[in-house]
Amino acid sequence: MIITKSTPFTNEEIEKLKEEFDSYIKTVIDLNRKICSAGANRHYESERILLDQASKQSDIWGGGIDIDTKDVDFNSFINIRPADNNPGNEILDPELRKQYDELTKFFFKEIL
């Protein structure tokens, strides 16, 4: 189940988001608009939702949360954007990583 919102996820929503991978939740965040789309099987599904809601490609980044270890990762194929100075899966820019991490912790404050 994919849920897209600009406020923190509730425990009930997090349980639904875990249905896809059990102990991992894929997340895509518009860093500028502060909107998170989570729970997709593939990051591009959440990316499409955000683009359809007027997000700009350069503001959208992907990653996820390991529920067991509480680790946030910054890894997604949607992050491969040489035009945005990001040639690999990982978010390379330290400031963007920091923003992604802080927003992930905001959206998932119930578990992080």
N, C-alpha and C. Protein backbone atom coordinates (compact mmCIF):
# COMPACT_ATOMS: atom_id res chain seq x y z
N MET A 1 0.84 -1.18 0.00
CA MET A 1 0.00 0.00 0.00
C MET A 1 0.88 1.24 0.00
N ILE A 2 0.59 2.17 -0.87
CA ILE A 2 1.33 3.43 -0.93
C ILE A 2 0.50 4.51 -0.24
N ILE A 3 1.16 5.24 0.65
CA ILE A 3 0.53 6.37 1.31
C ILE A 3 1.41 7.59 1.07
N THR A 4 0.80 8.68 0.65
CA THR A 4 1.52 9.92 0.35
C THR A 4 0.93 11.03 1.19
N LYS A 5 1.80 11.72 1.96
CA LYS A 5 1.29 12.77 2.84
C LYS A 5 2.39 13.72 3.28
N SER A 6 1.97 14.81 3.89
CA SER A 6 2.91 15.83 4.36
C SER A 6 2.97 15.89 5.89
N THR A 7 2.31 14.98 6.55
CA THR A 7 2.34 14.89 8.02
C THR A 7 2.90 13.53 8.42
N PRO A 8 3.35 13.38 9.67
CA PRO A 8 3.91 12.10 10.09
C PRO A 8 2.93 10.93 9.94
N PHE A 9 3.48 9.77 9.63
CA PHE A 9 2.68 8.56 9.51
C PHE A 9 2.30 8.07 10.91
N THR A 10 1.08 7.59 11.04
CA THR A 10 0.62 7.02 12.31
C THR A 10 1.12 5.58 12.42
N ASN A 11 1.03 5.02 13.60
CA ASN A 11 1.41 3.62 13.77
C ASN A 11 0.58 2.71 12.87
N GLU A 12 -0.70 3.00 12.73
CA GLU A 12 -1.57 2.20 11.88
C GLU A 12 -1.14 2.28 10.42
N GLU A 13 -0.78 3.47 9.97
CA GLU A 13 -0.30 3.63 8.60
C GLU A 13 1.02 2.91 8.39
N ILE A 14 1.90 2.98 9.37
CA ILE A 14 3.20 2.31 9.27
C ILE A 14 3.01 0.80 9.15
N GLU A 15 2.06 0.25 9.87
CA GLU A 15 1.76 -1.18 9.74
C GLU A 15 1.33 -1.51 8.31
N LYS A 16 0.55 -0.66 7.70
CA LYS A 16 0.12 -0.88 6.31
C LYS A 16 1.30 -0.74 5.35
N LEU A 17 2.20 0.21 5.62
CA LEU A 17 3.37 0.41 4.76
C LEU A 17 4.32 -0.78 4.82
N LYS A 18 4.35 -1.47 5.93
CA LYS A 18 5.22 -2.63 6.10
C LYS A 18 4.73 -3.86 5.35
N GLU A 19 3.51 -3.82 4.83
CA GLU A 19 2.94 -4.99 4.15
C GLU A 19 3.75 -5.44 2.95
N GLU A 20 4.39 -4.51 2.25
CA GLU A 20 5.13 -4.85 1.03
C GLU A 20 6.39 -5.66 1.31
N PHE A 21 7.20 -5.23 2.30
CA PHE A 21 8.49 -5.89 2.57
C PHE A 21 8.68 -6.30 4.02
N ASP A 22 7.71 -6.15 4.86
CA ASP A 22 7.72 -6.56 6.27
C ASP A 22 8.66 -5.73 7.14
N SER A 23 9.96 -5.77 6.90
CA SER A 23 10.88 -5.05 7.78
C SER A 23 11.58 -3.90 7.07
N TYR A 24 11.06 -3.50 5.91
CA TYR A 24 11.67 -2.41 5.15
C TYR A 24 10.56 -1.60 4.48
N ILE A 25 10.69 -0.29 4.51
CA ILE A 25 9.73 0.59 3.84
C ILE A 25 10.49 1.47 2.85
N LYS A 26 10.10 1.39 1.58
CA LYS A 26 10.68 2.27 0.56
C LYS A 26 10.02 3.63 0.69
N THR A 27 10.84 4.67 0.64
CA THR A 27 10.33 6.04 0.76
C THR A 27 10.86 6.90 -0.38
N VAL A 28 10.02 7.85 -0.80
CA VAL A 28 10.41 8.86 -1.77
C VAL A 28 9.91 10.19 -1.20
N ILE A 29 10.82 11.14 -1.11
CA ILE A 29 10.48 12.41 -0.47
C ILE A 29 10.78 13.58 -1.40
N ASP A 30 9.82 14.48 -1.49
CA ASP A 30 10.03 15.77 -2.14
C ASP A 30 10.63 16.67 -1.06
N LEU A 31 11.91 16.94 -1.17
CA LEU A 31 12.61 17.70 -0.13
C LEU A 31 12.14 19.15 -0.05
N ASN A 32 11.70 19.70 -1.15
CA ASN A 32 11.25 21.08 -1.17
C ASN A 32 9.84 21.23 -0.59
N ARG A 33 8.92 20.39 -1.03
CA ARG A 33 7.54 20.48 -0.59
C ARG A 33 7.27 19.71 0.71
N LYS A 34 8.26 18.91 1.13
CA LYS A 34 8.16 18.12 2.36
C LYS A 34 6.94 17.19 2.34
N ILE A 35 6.93 16.36 1.29
CA ILE A 35 5.90 15.35 1.11
C ILE A 35 6.59 14.00 0.95
N CYS A 36 6.07 13.00 1.64
CA CYS A 36 6.63 11.65 1.58
C CYS A 36 5.61 10.69 0.97
N SER A 37 6.08 9.90 0.03
CA SER A 37 5.28 8.82 -0.53
C SER A 37 6.00 7.52 -0.18
N ALA A 38 5.33 6.64 0.54
CA ALA A 38 6.00 5.45 1.07
C ALA A 38 5.16 4.20 0.87
N GLY A 39 5.86 3.05 0.90
CA GLY A 39 5.18 1.77 0.86
C GLY A 39 5.13 1.11 -0.50
N ALA A 40 5.74 1.70 -1.50
CA ALA A 40 5.71 1.14 -2.86
C ALA A 40 6.61 -0.09 -2.97
N ASN A 41 6.33 -0.91 -3.97
CA ASN A 41 7.20 -2.03 -4.28
C ASN A 41 8.46 -1.53 -4.98
N ARG A 42 8.30 -0.51 -5.81
CA ARG A 42 9.41 0.13 -6.52
C ARG A 42 9.33 1.63 -6.31
N HIS A 43 10.49 2.26 -6.14
CA HIS A 43 10.52 3.70 -5.87
C HIS A 43 9.83 4.52 -6.96
N TYR A 44 9.93 4.07 -8.20
CA TYR A 44 9.35 4.86 -9.30
C TYR A 44 7.84 5.01 -9.15
N GLU A 45 7.18 4.08 -8.45
CA GLU A 45 5.74 4.21 -8.24
C GLU A 45 5.43 5.44 -7.38
N SER A 46 6.17 5.61 -6.31
CA SER A 46 5.99 6.79 -5.46
C SER A 46 6.48 8.05 -6.15
N GLU A 47 7.55 7.93 -6.93
CA GLU A 47 8.05 9.06 -7.70
C GLU A 47 6.95 9.58 -8.63
N ARG A 48 6.25 8.68 -9.30
CA ARG A 48 5.19 9.06 -10.24
C ARG A 48 4.07 9.80 -9.51
N ILE A 49 3.70 9.33 -8.33
CA ILE A 49 2.65 9.99 -7.54
C ILE A 49 3.06 11.43 -7.25
N LEU A 50 4.30 11.64 -6.81
CA LEU A 50 4.76 12.99 -6.49
C LEU A 50 4.84 13.87 -7.73
N LEU A 51 5.31 13.32 -8.83
CA LEU A 51 5.37 14.10 -10.07
C LEU A 51 3.96 14.50 -10.52
N ASP A 52 3.01 13.59 -10.35
CA ASP A 52 1.62 13.90 -10.72
C ASP A 52 1.01 14.96 -9.79
N GLN A 53 1.62 15.14 -8.63
CA GLN A 53 1.14 16.15 -7.68
C GLN A 53 1.98 17.43 -7.77
N ALA A 54 2.65 17.62 -8.88
CA ALA A 54 3.39 18.85 -9.20
C ALA A 54 4.76 18.98 -8.54
N SER A 55 5.32 17.89 -8.05
CA SER A 55 6.70 17.93 -7.56
C SER A 55 7.65 18.07 -8.74
N LYS A 56 8.80 18.67 -8.49
CA LYS A 56 9.85 18.79 -9.51
C LYS A 56 10.81 17.61 -9.35
N GLN A 57 11.22 17.05 -10.47
CA GLN A 57 12.12 15.89 -10.44
C GLN A 57 13.36 16.15 -9.59
N SER A 58 13.93 17.33 -9.69
CA SER A 58 15.16 17.62 -8.96
C SER A 58 14.96 17.67 -7.44
N ASP A 59 13.71 17.74 -6.97
CA ASP A 59 13.42 17.78 -5.54
C ASP A 59 13.10 16.40 -4.96
N ILE A 60 12.94 15.40 -5.82
CA ILE A 60 12.49 14.08 -5.39
C ILE A 60 13.68 13.13 -5.25
N TRP A 61 13.77 12.48 -4.08
CA TRP A 61 14.86 11.54 -3.80
C TRP A 61 14.30 10.30 -3.12
N GLY A 62 14.97 9.17 -3.33
CA GLY A 62 14.48 7.91 -2.80
C GLY A 62 15.43 7.25 -1.83
N GLY A 63 14.85 6.42 -0.99
CA GLY A 63 15.60 5.65 0.00
C GLY A 63 14.67 4.72 0.75
N GLY A 64 14.96 4.54 2.02
CA GLY A 64 14.09 3.66 2.79
C GLY A 64 14.50 3.55 4.25
N ILE A 65 13.73 2.73 4.96
CA ILE A 65 13.96 2.52 6.38
C ILE A 65 13.98 1.02 6.66
N ASP A 66 15.03 0.57 7.34
CA ASP A 66 15.06 -0.79 7.85
C ASP A 66 14.39 -0.76 9.22
N ILE A 67 13.23 -1.37 9.32
CA ILE A 67 12.44 -1.32 10.55
C ILE A 67 13.19 -1.97 11.72
N ASP A 68 13.91 -3.07 11.45
CA ASP A 68 14.59 -3.80 12.52
C ASP A 68 15.76 -3.01 13.12
N THR A 69 16.58 -2.40 12.26
CA THR A 69 17.77 -1.70 12.74
C THR A 69 17.54 -0.21 12.94
N LYS A 70 16.41 0.31 12.42
CA LYS A 70 16.08 1.74 12.48
C LYS A 70 17.02 2.59 11.63
N ASP A 71 17.68 1.96 10.66
CA ASP A 71 18.59 2.67 9.78
C ASP A 71 17.84 3.28 8.60
N VAL A 72 18.20 4.50 8.27
CA VAL A 72 17.68 5.17 7.08
C VAL A 72 18.73 5.00 5.99
N ASP A 73 18.29 4.58 4.79
CA ASP A 73 19.24 4.51 3.69
C ASP A 73 18.85 5.51 2.61
N PHE A 74 19.77 5.75 1.71
CA PHE A 74 19.64 6.80 0.69
C PHE A 74 19.84 6.20 -0.70
N ASN A 75 19.32 5.00 -0.91
CA ASN A 75 19.64 4.22 -2.09
C ASN A 75 18.39 3.95 -2.92
N SER A 76 18.41 4.38 -4.19
CA SER A 76 17.30 4.12 -5.10
C SER A 76 17.74 4.40 -6.53
N PHE A 77 17.20 3.63 -7.47
CA PHE A 77 17.48 3.88 -8.88
C PHE A 77 17.01 5.27 -9.31
N ILE A 78 15.97 5.80 -8.67
CA ILE A 78 15.48 7.13 -9.08
C ILE A 78 16.49 8.23 -8.74
N ASN A 79 17.49 7.90 -7.92
CA ASN A 79 18.52 8.89 -7.56
C ASN A 79 19.60 9.02 -8.63
N ILE A 80 19.61 8.14 -9.62
CA ILE A 80 20.62 8.22 -10.67
C ILE A 80 20.23 9.36 -11.60
N ARG A 81 20.89 10.49 -11.36
CA ARG A 81 20.57 11.70 -12.14
C ARG A 81 21.85 12.51 -12.36
N PRO A 82 22.62 12.16 -13.36
CA PRO A 82 23.85 12.90 -13.64
C PRO A 82 23.61 14.40 -13.82
N ALA A 83 22.46 14.79 -14.38
CA ALA A 83 22.17 16.21 -14.59
C ALA A 83 22.06 16.97 -13.27
N ASP A 84 21.73 16.24 -12.20
CA ASP A 84 21.66 16.83 -10.85
C ASP A 84 22.91 16.50 -10.05
N ASN A 85 23.99 16.15 -10.75
CA ASN A 85 25.27 15.86 -10.12
C ASN A 85 25.19 14.65 -9.18
N ASN A 86 24.35 13.66 -9.54
CA ASN A 86 24.22 12.45 -8.73
C ASN A 86 24.24 11.23 -9.67
N PRO A 87 25.46 10.73 -10.00
CA PRO A 87 25.58 9.68 -10.99
C PRO A 87 25.25 8.26 -10.50
N GLY A 88 25.01 8.08 -9.20
CA GLY A 88 24.77 6.73 -8.68
C GLY A 88 23.47 6.60 -7.92
N ASN A 89 23.23 5.41 -7.39
CA ASN A 89 22.02 5.11 -6.61
C ASN A 89 21.92 5.88 -5.30
N GLU A 90 23.06 6.12 -4.67
CA GLU A 90 23.09 6.79 -3.37
C GLU A 90 22.95 8.30 -3.54
N ILE A 91 22.26 8.93 -2.62
CA ILE A 91 22.24 10.40 -2.59
C ILE A 91 23.63 10.83 -2.14
N LEU A 92 24.36 11.50 -3.00
CA LEU A 92 25.76 11.83 -2.73
C LEU A 92 25.95 13.16 -2.01
N ASP A 93 25.14 14.14 -2.31
CA ASP A 93 25.29 15.47 -1.72
C ASP A 93 25.00 15.41 -0.21
N PRO A 94 25.97 15.80 0.62
CA PRO A 94 25.78 15.72 2.08
C PRO A 94 24.57 16.51 2.59
N GLU A 95 24.30 17.66 2.00
CA GLU A 95 23.16 18.46 2.43
C GLU A 95 21.83 17.78 2.08
N LEU A 96 21.76 17.22 0.88
CA LEU A 96 20.54 16.50 0.49
C LEU A 96 20.33 15.27 1.37
N ARG A 97 21.42 14.56 1.68
CA ARG A 97 21.32 13.39 2.59
C ARG A 97 20.80 13.81 3.96
N LYS A 98 21.32 14.93 4.44
CA LYS A 98 20.90 15.43 5.75
C LYS A 98 19.41 15.77 5.73
N GLN A 99 18.96 16.47 4.68
CA GLN A 99 17.54 16.82 4.56
C GLN A 99 16.68 15.56 4.48
N TYR A 100 17.13 14.59 3.69
CA TYR A 100 16.37 13.34 3.53
C TYR A 100 16.27 12.61 4.87
N ASP A 101 17.37 12.54 5.58
CA ASP A 101 17.40 11.88 6.88
C ASP A 101 16.47 12.58 7.87
N GLU A 102 16.56 13.90 7.95
CA GLU A 102 15.72 14.66 8.89
C GLU A 102 14.24 14.51 8.56
N LEU A 103 13.90 14.57 7.27
CA LEU A 103 12.49 14.42 6.89
C LEU A 103 12.00 13.00 7.13
N THR A 104 12.84 12.01 6.88
CA THR A 104 12.45 10.62 7.16
C THR A 104 12.15 10.46 8.65
N LYS A 105 13.00 11.03 9.48
CA LYS A 105 12.78 10.94 10.93
C LYS A 105 11.53 11.69 11.36
N PHE A 106 11.19 12.77 10.66
CA PHE A 106 9.95 13.50 10.93
C PHE A 106 8.74 12.64 10.55
N PHE A 107 8.74 12.10 9.33
CA PHE A 107 7.60 11.32 8.85
C PHE A 107 7.42 10.01 9.63
N PHE A 108 8.51 9.45 10.13
CA PHE A 108 8.44 8.17 10.83
C PHE A 108 8.85 8.29 12.29
N LYS A 109 8.48 9.41 12.92
CA LYS A 109 8.88 9.63 14.30
C LYS A 109 8.28 8.61 15.26
N GLU A 110 7.23 7.91 14.84
CA GLU A 110 6.63 6.87 15.68
C GLU A 110 7.55 5.67 15.86
N ILE A 111 8.48 5.48 14.92
CA ILE A 111 9.36 4.30 15.00
C ILE A 111 10.85 4.63 14.99
N LEU A 112 11.21 5.85 14.66
CA LEU A 112 12.64 6.22 14.61
C LEU A 112 13.06 7.09 15.78
